[in-house]
Amino acid sequence: MNSSQTYGTRKISELIDMGITVPDWQRLTSQKHIDSIYNFIKEYVDSWQNQPVLPGCFTLCSAVIQRQPFWWLIDGQHRFLAMHRLLQDDDLDCVVMCCNIQVSDENQAHEYFRIVNTSLPLKRPPRNSRLTVPNEVIRQLKNMFPNIFKDTENPRRPHLNARHFAEKLLTRPEIQNQNAESIIAKLLEYNQKICAMPLSEFKYPGDKKDRLDKIKQQAIQKGNFFLGMYKNYEFLGKSFSFS
């Protein structure tokens, strides 16, 4: 084990007091996942008056910058947020195992995040790219079209998975050095364009006209958001290429 890496148990209240943050370049959270962890722990404690075995550990990165301590949670955000809720709502202060890695700054913390999440389904994003801007794009779109986004891994058209959308965005070279507002403007511009396109634009093998009609009606009812009518995020390339 590297000398900059240590392990130990901490209470959730202690982590909160330390000022642990979930960085904005982390993967977007799933409320369904948070609720599932919360309910599992709560039901177990209510039944057995004891904390359940919680496999794994939180991975933290820490640095002292200009004499100010900083802590970044790079793995375990769903468990952390569920346990934070348990502390607030149920006065349950869970004890968790933590792996702490000493780093020089936030950039190095992000590099360890990339290592921990090597299984992310990302298609060769630029090495120094972060999910910060894609996450902000999705947060704003979710506020505009809340009924379009689902927590399920493979939502049916015209719905989209927020986390997958953000990760797909990160792979697009066109968004590099753009802010969230300019990206959203392009997406909405293309969304407006395709609302008048024939159903053949969204036809995949096995699709029937009545099924496509139903999908389009759902898209209309849920805010006139049509990007999710594509199966494979084809709208990303098209949004940044049409004029």
Protein backbone atom coordinates (compact mmCIF):
# COMPACT_ATOMS: atom_id res chain seq x y z
CA MET A 1 0.00 0.00 0.00
CA ASN A 2 1.30 3.46 -0.91
CA SER A 3 2.29 5.71 2.00
CA SER A 4 -0.15 8.40 0.84
CA GLN A 5 -3.06 5.96 1.26
CA THR A 6 -4.61 5.18 4.66
CA TYR A 7 -7.69 3.33 5.90
CA GLY A 8 -9.90 3.87 8.93
CA THR A 9 -13.49 3.98 10.16
CA ARG A 10 -15.40 7.24 10.58
CA LYS A 11 -18.93 8.24 11.50
CA ILE A 12 -21.02 10.00 8.88
CA SER A 13 -21.36 12.98 11.21
CA GLU A 14 -17.58 13.22 11.34
CA LEU A 15 -17.31 13.22 7.54
CA ILE A 16 -19.93 15.98 7.34
CA ASP A 17 -18.09 18.05 9.95
CA MET A 18 -14.89 17.60 7.95
CA GLY A 19 -16.58 19.34 5.03
CA ILE A 20 -16.61 16.37 2.66
CA THR A 21 -17.92 17.47 -0.74
CA VAL A 22 -19.28 15.50 -3.69
CA PRO A 23 -17.46 17.25 -6.58
CA ASP A 24 -19.47 18.58 -9.50
CA TRP A 25 -17.36 16.39 -11.80
CA GLN A 26 -18.70 13.24 -10.15
CA ARG A 27 -21.26 11.13 -11.98
CA LEU A 28 -24.82 12.34 -11.59
CA THR A 29 -26.62 10.71 -8.70
CA SER A 30 -29.70 8.51 -8.97
CA GLN A 31 -32.37 9.36 -6.41
CA LYS A 32 -33.76 5.86 -6.84
CA HIS A 33 -30.38 4.39 -5.85
CA ILE A 34 -30.11 6.72 -2.84
CA ASP A 35 -33.63 5.79 -1.69
CA SER A 36 -32.85 2.08 -2.07
CA ILE A 37 -29.77 2.32 0.17
CA TYR A 38 -31.63 4.49 2.68
CA ASN A 39 -34.56 2.07 2.92
CA PHE A 40 -32.30 -1.00 3.22
CA ILE A 41 -30.30 0.44 6.12
CA LYS A 42 -33.34 1.88 7.89
CA GLU A 43 -35.34 -1.35 7.66
CA TYR A 44 -32.37 -3.40 8.89
CA VAL A 45 -31.73 -1.11 11.87
CA ASP A 46 -35.45 -1.03 12.74
CA SER A 47 -35.51 -4.84 12.76
CA TRP A 48 -32.17 -5.68 14.34
CA GLN A 49 -31.16 -2.52 16.22
CA ASN A 50 -27.80 -2.74 14.59
CA GLN A 51 -26.09 -1.36 11.51
CA PRO A 52 -25.95 -3.87 8.63
CA VAL A 53 -22.73 -4.99 7.03
CA LEU A 54 -21.90 -2.42 4.37
CA PRO A 55 -19.37 -3.87 1.90
CA GLY A 56 -16.79 -1.59 0.36
CA CYS A 57 -15.58 1.76 1.55
CA PHE A 58 -15.70 5.45 0.76
CA THR A 59 -12.74 6.71 -1.23
CA LEU A 60 -11.68 10.21 -0.21
CA CYS A 61 -8.97 12.51 -1.47
CA SER A 62 -7.57 15.18 0.82
CA ALA A 63 -5.24 18.12 0.37
CA VAL A 64 -4.08 21.12 2.34
CA ILE A 65 -4.02 24.18 0.11
CA GLN A 66 -2.85 27.48 1.59
CA ARG A 67 -3.33 25.94 5.05
CA GLN A 68 -6.97 25.12 4.25
CA PRO A 69 -8.00 21.42 4.31
CA PHE A 70 -10.05 20.12 1.39
CA TRP A 71 -11.81 16.77 1.08
CA TRP A 72 -13.32 15.25 -2.09
CA LEU A 73 -15.46 12.12 -2.14
CA ILE A 74 -14.48 10.28 -5.33
CA ASP A 75 -16.33 6.99 -4.74
CA GLY A 76 -19.39 6.17 -2.64
CA GLN A 77 -21.55 9.23 -3.24
CA HIS A 78 -24.87 7.34 -3.24
CA ARG A 79 -24.08 5.67 0.09
CA PHE A 80 -22.88 8.96 1.52
CA LEU A 81 -26.04 10.83 0.51
CA ALA A 82 -28.27 8.01 1.80
CA MET A 83 -26.45 7.97 5.14
CA HIS A 84 -26.52 11.75 5.34
CA ARG A 85 -30.31 11.51 5.06
CA LEU A 86 -30.40 8.79 7.74
CA LEU A 87 -28.52 11.09 10.08
CA GLN A 88 -30.82 14.04 9.38
CA ASP A 89 -34.15 12.22 9.34
CA ASP A 90 -33.59 9.29 11.68
CA ASP A 91 -30.69 10.36 13.91
CA LEU A 92 -28.74 7.31 12.72
CA ASP A 93 -25.00 7.95 12.59
CA CYS A 94 -23.56 5.15 10.45
CA VAL A 95 -19.94 4.07 10.80
CA VAL A 96 -18.15 3.47 7.50
CA MET A 97 -14.73 2.37 6.32
CA CYS A 98 -12.85 5.11 4.48
CA CYS A 99 -9.83 5.00 2.21
CA ASN A 100 -8.09 8.38 2.25
CA ILE A 101 -5.60 9.33 -0.44
CA GLN A 102 -3.44 12.40 0.05
CA VAL A 103 -3.25 14.53 -3.09
CA SER A 104 -1.68 17.82 -4.06
CA ASP A 105 -4.82 19.50 -5.44
CA GLU A 106 -8.27 18.93 -6.98
CA ASN A 107 -6.77 17.99 -10.36
CA GLN A 108 -5.00 15.04 -8.80
CA ALA A 109 -8.20 14.08 -6.98
CA HIS A 110 -9.95 14.02 -10.36
CA GLU A 111 -7.24 11.75 -11.76
CA TYR A 112 -7.90 9.26 -8.96
CA PHE A 113 -11.62 9.54 -9.72
CA ARG A 114 -10.83 8.48 -13.30
CA ILE A 115 -8.83 5.51 -12.00
CA VAL A 116 -11.57 4.41 -9.59
CA ASN A 117 -14.16 4.69 -12.36
CA THR A 118 -12.26 2.98 -15.17
CA SER A 119 -15.44 1.01 -15.94
CA LEU A 120 -17.33 4.18 -16.91
CA PRO A 121 -18.91 3.62 -20.33
CA LEU A 122 -17.12 6.61 -21.81
CA LYS A 123 -15.68 6.60 -25.30
CA ARG A 124 -12.17 8.01 -24.94
CA PRO A 125 -12.97 11.42 -23.45
CA PRO A 126 -10.14 13.96 -23.49
CA ARG A 127 -7.78 13.17 -20.63
CA ASN A 128 -8.38 16.37 -18.67
CA SER A 129 -12.11 16.59 -19.36
CA ARG A 130 -14.56 16.57 -16.47
CA LEU A 131 -18.26 15.90 -16.08
CA THR A 132 -18.79 19.36 -14.56
CA VAL A 133 -20.29 21.00 -17.66
CA PRO A 134 -22.21 17.92 -18.92
CA ASN A 135 -23.71 17.48 -15.45
CA GLU A 136 -24.82 21.11 -15.41
CA VAL A 137 -26.37 20.71 -18.87
CA ILE A 138 -28.42 17.76 -17.64
CA ARG A 139 -29.43 19.50 -14.40
CA GLN A 140 -30.84 22.42 -16.36
CA LEU A 141 -32.59 20.18 -18.89
CA LYS A 142 -34.11 18.15 -16.05
CA ASN A 143 -35.54 21.38 -14.62
CA MET A 144 -37.02 22.24 -18.01
CA PHE A 145 -38.29 18.74 -18.86
CA PRO A 146 -38.62 16.81 -15.56
CA ASN A 147 -40.86 14.09 -17.00
CA ILE A 148 -38.38 13.08 -19.69
CA PHE A 149 -35.59 11.82 -17.42
CA LYS A 150 -35.75 8.42 -15.72
CA ASP A 151 -33.47 6.64 -13.25
CA THR A 152 -33.83 3.29 -15.02
CA GLU A 153 -30.73 2.22 -16.95
CA ASN A 154 -32.56 1.68 -20.25
CA PRO A 155 -35.60 3.97 -20.31
CA ARG A 156 -38.09 3.62 -23.11
CA ARG A 157 -38.31 6.30 -25.75
CA PRO A 158 -38.87 9.24 -25.52
CA HIS A 159 -37.26 9.12 -22.05
CA LEU A 160 -33.56 9.52 -21.28
CA ASN A 161 -31.23 8.43 -18.49
CA ALA A 162 -29.59 11.57 -17.07
CA ARG A 163 -26.28 9.94 -16.15
CA HIS A 164 -25.88 8.26 -19.54
CA PHE A 165 -26.73 11.53 -21.29
CA ALA A 166 -24.03 13.40 -19.35
CA GLU A 167 -21.43 10.73 -20.06
CA LYS A 168 -22.28 10.70 -23.77
CA LEU A 169 -21.95 14.48 -23.84
CA LEU A 170 -18.46 14.24 -22.37
CA THR A 171 -17.28 12.21 -25.36
CA ARG A 172 -18.31 14.89 -27.87
CA PRO A 173 -15.33 16.97 -29.07
CA GLU A 174 -17.74 19.76 -30.05
CA ILE A 175 -18.50 20.65 -26.42
CA GLN A 176 -14.92 21.16 -25.35
CA ASN A 177 -14.40 24.71 -24.05
CA GLN A 178 -18.14 25.44 -24.26
CA ASN A 179 -20.27 26.40 -21.29
CA ALA A 180 -23.53 24.72 -20.31
CA GLU A 181 -25.70 27.51 -21.69
CA SER A 182 -24.24 27.33 -25.20
CA ILE A 183 -24.57 23.54 -25.27
CA ILE A 184 -28.19 23.71 -24.10
CA ALA A 185 -28.96 26.34 -26.73
CA LYS A 186 -27.69 24.00 -29.46
CA LEU A 187 -29.64 21.04 -28.12
CA LEU A 188 -32.86 23.03 -27.84
CA GLU A 189 -32.35 24.48 -31.32
CA TYR A 190 -32.09 20.99 -32.76
CA ASN A 191 -35.03 19.81 -30.63
CA GLN A 192 -37.12 22.56 -32.22
CA LYS A 193 -35.98 21.46 -35.67
CA ILE A 194 -36.91 17.80 -35.27
CA CYS A 195 -40.39 18.44 -33.86
CA ALA A 196 -41.58 18.86 -37.46
CA MET A 197 -39.61 15.94 -38.90
CA PRO A 198 -41.47 12.89 -40.27
CA LEU A 199 -41.62 9.80 -38.07
CA SER A 200 -39.23 8.05 -40.45
CA GLU A 201 -36.42 10.12 -38.85
CA PHE A 202 -36.83 8.03 -35.68
CA LYS A 203 -37.60 4.65 -37.22
CA TYR A 204 -35.47 1.67 -36.17
CA PRO A 205 -35.76 -1.98 -37.24
CA GLY A 206 -38.96 -3.40 -35.78
CA ASP A 207 -40.66 -0.04 -35.24
CA LYS A 208 -44.25 0.28 -36.40
CA LYS A 209 -46.08 3.49 -37.21
CA ASP A 210 -48.56 3.20 -34.32
CA ARG A 211 -45.67 2.72 -31.88
CA LEU A 212 -43.84 5.78 -33.23
CA ASP A 213 -47.06 7.79 -33.09
CA LYS A 214 -47.42 6.86 -29.41
CA ILE A 215 -43.81 7.82 -28.64
CA LYS A 216 -44.25 11.18 -30.36
CA GLN A 217 -47.44 11.90 -28.42
CA GLN A 218 -45.60 11.17 -25.18
CA ALA A 219 -42.81 13.55 -26.20
CA ILE A 220 -45.41 16.25 -26.89
CA GLN A 221 -47.20 15.67 -23.59
CA LYS A 222 -43.93 15.81 -21.67
CA GLY A 223 -42.91 19.26 -22.83
CA ASN A 224 -42.30 18.93 -26.58
CA PHE A 225 -38.93 17.31 -25.97
CA PHE A 226 -38.09 15.03 -28.89
CA LEU A 227 -34.40 14.19 -28.45
CA GLY A 228 -35.27 10.99 -26.59
CA MET A 229 -37.03 9.68 -29.68
CA TYR A 230 -33.57 8.64 -30.87
CA LYS A 231 -32.34 5.34 -29.45
CA ASN A 232 -28.61 5.89 -29.51
CA TYR A 233 -28.07 9.59 -28.78
CA GLU A 234 -27.66 10.35 -32.48
CA PHE A 235 -29.00 13.81 -31.73
CA LEU A 236 -25.70 14.76 -30.11
CA GLY A 237 -23.75 14.69 -33.36
CA LYS A 238 -26.65 16.22 -35.26
CA SER A 239 -27.23 19.03 -32.74
CA PHE A 240 -23.70 20.36 -33.21
CA SER A 241 -23.44 19.85 -36.94
CA PHE A 242 -26.61 21.34 -38.41
CA SER A 243 -26.95 25.06 -39.15
